[in-house]
Amino acid sequence: MERVKEFWFSLDDKIRYLFVGGFNAGVSYLIYALLCLIFGEKFYQIALALAWILSSSISFTMQRTFVFESKGVWYKEYAKCCVTWFFSYLINAGLLEFTVKILHLNVYLAQIISNFTAAVFTYIAFKLFAFRKK
């Protein structure tokens, strides 16, 4: 197990973020798609908000542990993550609205595009703000 950990943390944090972030994005997208199916596609923004809330706790734990290997005070980092997620959510929701209403993409494809863009912002904000090493 120690060799796996050693190998994992020998990878660049961008690579680790791709794996962990990809997993988190997949979980978030599945929650989003399921909620769109349950509530109807016209409620895609509500589905996005609920998916974002549900997947954020999973994301915090995984990013903190498996990407940034943080040893900081968890509740301070969580507060910083909440700020990051707020802005990331605004980027995602705004781009989702644009791609659905203006570009006329379906809500599922639009969310894939929007989520990818928000993920890039989130990585940068996590690295430079939420999990910044002293």
N, C-alpha and C. Protein backbone atom coordinates (compact mmCIF):
# COMPACT_ATOMS: atom_id res chain seq x y z
N MET A 1 0.82 -1.19 0.00
CA MET A 1 0.00 0.00 0.00
C MET A 1 0.87 1.26 0.00
N GLU A 2 1.97 1.20 0.71
CA GLU A 2 2.87 2.35 0.78
C GLU A 2 3.46 2.67 -0.60
N ARG A 3 3.71 1.64 -1.41
CA ARG A 3 4.25 1.86 -2.76
C ARG A 3 3.22 2.54 -3.65
N VAL A 4 1.96 2.18 -3.48
CA VAL A 4 0.89 2.80 -4.25
C VAL A 4 0.80 4.29 -3.89
N LYS A 5 0.84 4.56 -2.59
CA LYS A 5 0.78 5.95 -2.12
C LYS A 5 1.97 6.74 -2.64
N GLU A 6 3.15 6.13 -2.56
CA GLU A 6 4.36 6.79 -3.05
C GLU A 6 4.26 7.09 -4.54
N PHE A 7 3.77 6.11 -5.32
CA PHE A 7 3.60 6.32 -6.75
C PHE A 7 2.58 7.42 -7.01
N TRP A 8 1.43 7.35 -6.33
CA TRP A 8 0.35 8.31 -6.55
C TRP A 8 0.84 9.74 -6.32
N PHE A 9 1.54 9.97 -5.22
CA PHE A 9 1.99 11.32 -4.91
C PHE A 9 3.26 11.72 -5.66
N SER A 10 3.83 10.80 -6.41
CA SER A 10 4.93 11.18 -7.30
C SER A 10 4.39 11.80 -8.59
N LEU A 11 3.10 11.56 -8.85
CA LEU A 11 2.46 12.16 -10.03
C LEU A 11 2.26 13.65 -9.80
N ASP A 12 2.33 14.42 -10.87
CA ASP A 12 2.05 15.85 -10.79
C ASP A 12 0.62 16.07 -10.29
N ASP A 13 0.41 17.13 -9.53
CA ASP A 13 -0.93 17.35 -8.97
C ASP A 13 -1.98 17.60 -10.06
N LYS A 14 -1.58 18.06 -11.22
CA LYS A 14 -2.54 18.23 -12.33
C LYS A 14 -3.06 16.87 -12.79
N ILE A 15 -2.19 15.89 -12.81
CA ILE A 15 -2.60 14.53 -13.20
C ILE A 15 -3.52 13.94 -12.14
N ARG A 16 -3.14 14.12 -10.88
CA ARG A 16 -4.00 13.63 -9.79
C ARG A 16 -5.36 14.32 -9.84
N TYR A 17 -5.36 15.63 -10.12
CA TYR A 17 -6.62 16.37 -10.22
C TYR A 17 -7.47 15.83 -11.36
N LEU A 18 -6.85 15.49 -12.47
CA LEU A 18 -7.61 14.93 -13.60
C LEU A 18 -8.33 13.64 -13.19
N PHE A 19 -7.64 12.78 -12.49
CA PHE A 19 -8.26 11.52 -12.05
C PHE A 19 -9.36 11.76 -11.01
N VAL A 20 -9.00 12.47 -9.95
CA VAL A 20 -9.94 12.71 -8.86
C VAL A 20 -11.06 13.63 -9.32
N GLY A 21 -10.70 14.69 -10.02
CA GLY A 21 -11.70 15.62 -10.54
C GLY A 21 -12.61 14.95 -11.56
N GLY A 22 -12.03 14.07 -12.37
CA GLY A 22 -12.84 13.32 -13.34
C GLY A 22 -13.86 12.44 -12.64
N PHE A 23 -13.42 11.78 -11.58
CA PHE A 23 -14.35 10.96 -10.79
C PHE A 23 -15.45 11.83 -10.20
N ASN A 24 -15.06 12.94 -9.57
CA ASN A 24 -16.03 13.85 -8.97
C ASN A 24 -16.99 14.42 -10.00
N ALA A 25 -16.45 14.80 -11.16
CA ALA A 25 -17.30 15.34 -12.22
C ALA A 25 -18.29 14.28 -12.71
N GLY A 26 -17.82 13.04 -12.79
CA GLY A 26 -18.71 11.94 -13.19
C GLY A 26 -19.84 11.73 -12.20
N VAL A 27 -19.51 11.75 -10.92
CA VAL A 27 -20.54 11.60 -9.88
C VAL A 27 -21.53 12.76 -9.96
N SER A 28 -21.00 13.97 -10.07
CA SER A 28 -21.85 15.16 -10.15
C SER A 28 -22.76 15.10 -11.39
N TYR A 29 -22.18 14.70 -12.51
CA TYR A 29 -22.97 14.62 -13.75
C TYR A 29 -24.06 13.55 -13.64
N LEU A 30 -23.75 12.42 -13.05
CA LEU A 30 -24.78 11.37 -12.88
C LEU A 30 -25.92 11.86 -12.00
N ILE A 31 -25.59 12.57 -10.93
CA ILE A 31 -26.63 13.13 -10.06
C ILE A 31 -27.46 14.13 -10.87
N TYR A 32 -26.80 15.01 -11.63
CA TYR A 32 -27.47 16.01 -12.46
C TYR A 32 -28.42 15.35 -13.47
N ALA A 33 -27.90 14.37 -14.20
CA ALA A 33 -28.71 13.70 -15.22
C ALA A 33 -29.90 12.98 -14.60
N LEU A 34 -29.67 12.32 -13.49
CA LEU A 34 -30.76 11.62 -12.79
C LEU A 34 -31.84 12.61 -12.35
N LEU A 35 -31.42 13.74 -11.79
CA LEU A 35 -32.39 14.75 -11.35
C LEU A 35 -33.13 15.37 -12.54
N CYS A 36 -32.45 15.55 -13.67
CA CYS A 36 -33.13 16.05 -14.87
C CYS A 36 -34.19 15.05 -15.34
N LEU A 37 -33.87 13.78 -15.24
CA LEU A 37 -34.84 12.75 -15.63
C LEU A 37 -36.02 12.70 -14.66
N ILE A 38 -35.75 12.86 -13.38
CA ILE A 38 -36.80 12.80 -12.36
C ILE A 38 -37.70 14.04 -12.42
N PHE A 39 -37.09 15.22 -12.42
CA PHE A 39 -37.86 16.47 -12.35
C PHE A 39 -38.26 17.02 -13.72
N GLY A 40 -37.60 16.57 -14.77
CA GLY A 40 -37.84 17.09 -16.11
C GLY A 40 -36.73 18.03 -16.52
N GLU A 41 -36.43 18.06 -17.80
CA GLU A 41 -35.31 18.85 -18.30
C GLU A 41 -35.49 20.34 -18.11
N LYS A 42 -36.73 20.83 -18.01
CA LYS A 42 -36.93 22.27 -17.85
C LYS A 42 -36.44 22.77 -16.48
N PHE A 43 -36.19 21.84 -15.56
CA PHE A 43 -35.68 22.20 -14.24
C PHE A 43 -34.17 21.93 -14.13
N TYR A 44 -33.47 22.10 -15.25
CA TYR A 44 -32.05 21.76 -15.28
C TYR A 44 -31.21 22.60 -14.32
N GLN A 45 -31.58 23.85 -14.08
CA GLN A 45 -30.81 24.68 -13.15
C GLN A 45 -30.99 24.20 -11.70
N ILE A 46 -32.18 23.74 -11.36
CA ILE A 46 -32.40 23.17 -10.02
C ILE A 46 -31.61 21.88 -9.88
N ALA A 47 -31.62 21.06 -10.92
CA ALA A 47 -30.84 19.82 -10.91
C ALA A 47 -29.36 20.13 -10.73
N LEU A 48 -28.87 21.18 -11.40
CA LEU A 48 -27.47 21.57 -11.28
C LEU A 48 -27.15 21.98 -9.84
N ALA A 49 -28.00 22.81 -9.24
CA ALA A 49 -27.75 23.27 -7.87
C ALA A 49 -27.71 22.11 -6.89
N LEU A 50 -28.66 21.20 -7.00
CA LEU A 50 -28.70 20.04 -6.09
C LEU A 50 -27.50 19.13 -6.31
N ALA A 51 -27.14 18.90 -7.56
CA ALA A 51 -25.98 18.05 -7.85
C ALA A 51 -24.71 18.69 -7.31
N TRP A 52 -24.60 20.00 -7.45
CA TRP A 52 -23.42 20.72 -6.98
C TRP A 52 -23.29 20.59 -5.47
N ILE A 53 -24.40 20.76 -4.76
CA ILE A 53 -24.39 20.66 -3.30
C ILE A 53 -24.01 19.25 -2.85
N LEU A 54 -24.61 18.25 -3.47
CA LEU A 54 -24.36 16.86 -3.07
C LEU A 54 -22.93 16.42 -3.37
N SER A 55 -22.41 16.84 -4.49
CA SER A 55 -21.07 16.37 -4.89
C SER A 55 -19.94 17.16 -4.24
N SER A 56 -20.23 18.31 -3.67
CA SER A 56 -19.17 19.15 -3.09
C SER A 56 -18.48 18.51 -1.89
N SER A 57 -19.22 17.86 -1.03
CA SER A 57 -18.60 17.22 0.14
C SER A 57 -17.67 16.08 -0.28
N ILE A 58 -18.10 15.32 -1.26
CA ILE A 58 -17.25 14.25 -1.79
C ILE A 58 -15.98 14.87 -2.38
N SER A 59 -16.17 15.92 -3.15
CA SER A 59 -15.05 16.58 -3.80
C SER A 59 -14.04 17.11 -2.79
N PHE A 60 -14.53 17.78 -1.75
CA PHE A 60 -13.62 18.35 -0.74
C PHE A 60 -12.73 17.27 -0.14
N THR A 61 -13.34 16.20 0.30
CA THR A 61 -12.59 15.12 0.95
C THR A 61 -11.56 14.52 0.00
N MET A 62 -11.97 14.26 -1.23
CA MET A 62 -11.05 13.63 -2.18
C MET A 62 -9.94 14.58 -2.62
N GLN A 63 -10.29 15.84 -2.89
CA GLN A 63 -9.26 16.80 -3.32
C GLN A 63 -8.24 17.02 -2.21
N ARG A 64 -8.73 17.19 -1.01
CA ARG A 64 -7.86 17.45 0.14
C ARG A 64 -6.90 16.28 0.39
N THR A 65 -7.42 15.07 0.27
CA THR A 65 -6.65 13.88 0.60
C THR A 65 -5.79 13.39 -0.56
N PHE A 66 -6.39 13.29 -1.75
CA PHE A 66 -5.71 12.60 -2.86
C PHE A 66 -5.06 13.50 -3.89
N VAL A 67 -5.36 14.79 -3.88
CA VAL A 67 -4.74 15.68 -4.85
C VAL A 67 -3.71 16.59 -4.17
N PHE A 68 -4.17 17.35 -3.19
CA PHE A 68 -3.31 18.36 -2.60
C PHE A 68 -2.62 17.90 -1.32
N GLU A 69 -2.97 16.71 -0.82
CA GLU A 69 -2.35 16.12 0.37
C GLU A 69 -2.20 17.17 1.48
N SER A 70 -3.29 17.84 1.73
CA SER A 70 -3.28 18.97 2.66
C SER A 70 -3.23 18.51 4.11
N LYS A 71 -2.52 19.27 4.90
CA LYS A 71 -2.42 19.04 6.34
C LYS A 71 -2.95 20.26 7.11
N GLY A 72 -3.59 21.18 6.37
CA GLY A 72 -4.10 22.39 6.99
C GLY A 72 -5.32 22.13 7.85
N VAL A 73 -5.82 23.18 8.46
CA VAL A 73 -7.02 23.09 9.30
C VAL A 73 -8.21 22.87 8.37
N TRP A 74 -8.87 21.72 8.53
CA TRP A 74 -9.88 21.30 7.56
C TRP A 74 -11.03 22.28 7.43
N TYR A 75 -11.52 22.86 8.52
CA TYR A 75 -12.69 23.72 8.41
C TYR A 75 -12.36 25.06 7.75
N LYS A 76 -11.12 25.51 7.88
CA LYS A 76 -10.70 26.72 7.16
C LYS A 76 -10.60 26.43 5.67
N GLU A 77 -10.04 25.26 5.35
CA GLU A 77 -9.96 24.87 3.94
C GLU A 77 -11.35 24.65 3.36
N TYR A 78 -12.24 24.07 4.15
CA TYR A 78 -13.60 23.85 3.67
C TYR A 78 -14.29 25.18 3.37
N ALA A 79 -14.08 26.17 4.23
CA ALA A 79 -14.67 27.49 4.00
C ALA A 79 -14.12 28.10 2.70
N LYS A 80 -12.81 27.95 2.47
CA LYS A 80 -12.22 28.43 1.23
C LYS A 80 -12.77 27.67 0.02
N CYS A 81 -12.98 26.38 0.19
CA CYS A 81 -13.57 25.59 -0.89
C CYS A 81 -14.98 26.06 -1.21
N CYS A 82 -15.73 26.42 -0.17
CA CYS A 82 -17.10 26.92 -0.38
C CYS A 82 -17.08 28.20 -1.21
N VAL A 83 -16.12 29.08 -0.94
CA VAL A 83 -15.98 30.30 -1.75
C VAL A 83 -15.64 29.93 -3.19
N THR A 84 -14.70 29.01 -3.35
CA THR A 84 -14.32 28.55 -4.68
C THR A 84 -15.51 27.94 -5.40
N TRP A 85 -16.24 27.06 -4.71
CA TRP A 85 -17.40 26.42 -5.33
C TRP A 85 -18.48 27.41 -5.71
N PHE A 86 -18.65 28.46 -4.92
CA PHE A 86 -19.65 29.48 -5.23
C PHE A 86 -19.35 30.09 -6.60
N PHE A 87 -18.10 30.51 -6.80
CA PHE A 87 -17.74 31.11 -8.08
C PHE A 87 -17.73 30.08 -9.21
N SER A 88 -17.28 28.89 -8.90
CA SER A 88 -17.30 27.81 -9.89
C SER A 88 -18.73 27.49 -10.30
N TYR A 89 -19.63 27.47 -9.32
CA TYR A 89 -21.05 27.23 -9.61
C TYR A 89 -21.60 28.34 -10.52
N LEU A 90 -21.26 29.59 -10.23
CA LEU A 90 -21.74 30.70 -11.07
C LEU A 90 -21.24 30.56 -12.51
N ILE A 91 -19.99 30.16 -12.66
CA ILE A 91 -19.44 29.92 -14.00
C ILE A 91 -20.22 28.80 -14.68
N ASN A 92 -20.41 27.70 -13.96
CA ASN A 92 -21.11 26.55 -14.52
C ASN A 92 -22.55 26.91 -14.89
N ALA A 93 -23.27 27.53 -13.96
CA ALA A 93 -24.68 27.87 -14.20
C ALA A 93 -24.83 28.87 -15.34
N GLY A 94 -23.95 29.87 -15.38
CA GLY A 94 -24.02 30.86 -16.45
C GLY A 94 -23.73 30.26 -17.81
N LEU A 95 -22.70 29.44 -17.88
CA LEU A 95 -22.36 28.79 -19.14
C LEU A 95 -23.43 27.78 -19.54
N LEU A 96 -23.98 27.08 -18.57
CA LEU A 96 -25.07 26.15 -18.86
C LEU A 96 -26.26 26.88 -19.46
N GLU A 97 -26.62 28.00 -18.87
CA GLU A 97 -27.74 28.80 -19.38
C GLU A 97 -27.46 29.27 -20.80
N PHE A 98 -26.24 29.74 -21.03
CA PHE A 98 -25.85 30.21 -22.36
C PHE A 98 -25.93 29.09 -23.39
N THR A 99 -25.37 27.93 -23.05
CA THR A 99 -25.34 26.84 -24.04
C THR A 99 -26.73 26.25 -24.30
N VAL A 100 -27.62 26.31 -23.31
CA VAL A 100 -28.98 25.80 -23.52
C VAL A 100 -29.84 26.83 -24.25
N LYS A 101 -29.84 28.06 -23.77
CA LYS A 101 -30.74 29.09 -24.31
C LYS A 101 -30.24 29.73 -25.60
N ILE A 102 -28.96 29.96 -25.71
CA ILE A 102 -28.42 30.66 -26.87
C ILE A 102 -27.93 29.69 -27.95
N LEU A 103 -27.17 28.68 -27.54
CA LEU A 103 -26.64 27.72 -28.51
C LEU A 103 -27.60 26.57 -28.80
N HIS A 104 -28.65 26.47 -27.98
CA HIS A 104 -29.70 25.45 -28.15
C HIS A 104 -29.17 24.01 -28.08
N LEU A 105 -28.20 23.80 -27.19
CA LEU A 105 -27.73 22.44 -26.94
C LEU A 105 -28.66 21.79 -25.93
N ASN A 106 -28.73 20.46 -25.95
CA ASN A 106 -29.56 19.81 -24.94
C ASN A 106 -28.87 19.93 -23.58
N VAL A 107 -29.65 19.80 -22.53
CA VAL A 107 -29.15 20.07 -21.18
C VAL A 107 -28.04 19.11 -20.76
N TYR A 108 -27.99 17.94 -21.34
CA TYR A 108 -26.97 16.95 -20.96
C TYR A 108 -25.61 17.31 -21.56
N LEU A 109 -25.58 17.61 -22.85
CA LEU A 109 -24.34 18.01 -23.51
C LEU A 109 -23.86 19.36 -22.98
N ALA A 110 -24.80 20.26 -22.77
CA ALA A 110 -24.45 21.58 -22.25
C ALA A 110 -23.77 21.48 -20.90
N GLN A 111 -24.22 20.58 -20.06
CA GLN A 111 -23.62 20.43 -18.73
C GLN A 111 -22.22 19.83 -18.82
N ILE A 112 -21.98 18.96 -19.75
CA ILE A 112 -20.62 18.42 -19.92
C ILE A 112 -19.66 19.56 -20.26
N ILE A 113 -20.04 20.42 -21.18
CA ILE A 113 -19.21 21.55 -21.58
C ILE A 113 -19.03 22.53 -20.41
N SER A 114 -20.11 22.85 -19.74
CA SER A 114 -20.07 23.80 -18.63
C SER A 114 -19.24 23.27 -17.47
N ASN A 115 -19.41 22.01 -17.17
CA ASN A 115 -18.69 21.40 -16.05
C ASN A 115 -17.19 21.37 -16.31
N PHE A 116 -16.80 21.10 -17.53
CA PHE A 116 -15.37 21.08 -17.87
C PHE A 116 -14.75 22.46 -17.63
N THR A 117 -15.43 23.50 -18.09
CA THR A 117 -14.93 24.86 -17.92
C THR A 117 -14.82 25.22 -16.44
N ALA A 118 -15.84 24.87 -15.67
CA ALA A 118 -15.82 25.15 -14.23
C ALA A 118 -14.70 24.36 -13.54
N ALA A 119 -14.40 23.17 -14.01
CA ALA A 119 -13.36 22.34 -13.41
C ALA A 119 -11.98 22.98 -13.56
N VAL A 120 -11.73 23.60 -14.69
CA VAL A 120 -10.44 24.28 -14.89
C VAL A 120 -10.31 25.43 -13.88
N PHE A 121 -11.35 26.24 -13.76
CA PHE A 121 -11.34 27.32 -12.77
C PHE A 121 -11.13 26.76 -11.37
N THR A 122 -11.84 25.69 -11.03
CA THR A 122 -11.78 25.12 -9.69
C THR A 122 -10.37 24.63 -9.35
N TYR A 123 -9.72 23.97 -10.29
CA TYR A 123 -8.35 23.51 -10.04
C TYR A 123 -7.45 24.69 -9.68
N ILE A 124 -7.51 25.74 -10.47
CA ILE A 124 -6.65 26.90 -10.24
C ILE A 124 -6.96 27.52 -8.87
N ALA A 125 -8.25 27.67 -8.55
CA ALA A 125 -8.63 28.27 -7.26
C ALA A 125 -8.25 27.37 -6.09
N PHE A 126 -8.40 26.06 -6.24
CA PHE A 126 -7.99 25.15 -5.17
C PHE A 126 -6.48 25.26 -4.94
N LYS A 127 -5.73 25.24 -6.02
CA LYS A 127 -4.26 25.25 -5.91
C LYS A 127 -3.75 26.56 -5.32
N LEU A 128 -4.29 27.67 -5.77
CA LEU A 128 -3.77 28.98 -5.36
C LEU A 128 -4.46 29.56 -4.13
N PHE A 129 -5.63 29.01 -3.76
CA PHE A 129 -6.38 29.61 -2.67
C PHE A 129 -6.76 28.60 -1.58
N ALA A 130 -7.60 27.64 -1.90
CA ALA A 130 -8.16 26.76 -0.88
C ALA A 130 -7.13 25.84 -0.22
N PHE A 131 -6.26 25.24 -1.03
CA PHE A 131 -5.28 24.29 -0.50
C PHE A 131 -3.85 24.79 -0.67
N ARG A 132 -3.68 26.09 -0.75
CA ARG A 132 -2.35 26.67 -0.95
C ARG A 132 -1.44 26.30 0.22
N LYS A 133 -0.27 25.86 -0.14
CA LYS A 133 0.74 25.53 0.87
C LYS A 133 1.39 26.82 1.34
N LYS A 134 1.69 26.86 2.60
CA LYS A 134 2.29 28.06 3.20
C LYS A 134 3.70 28.25 2.70
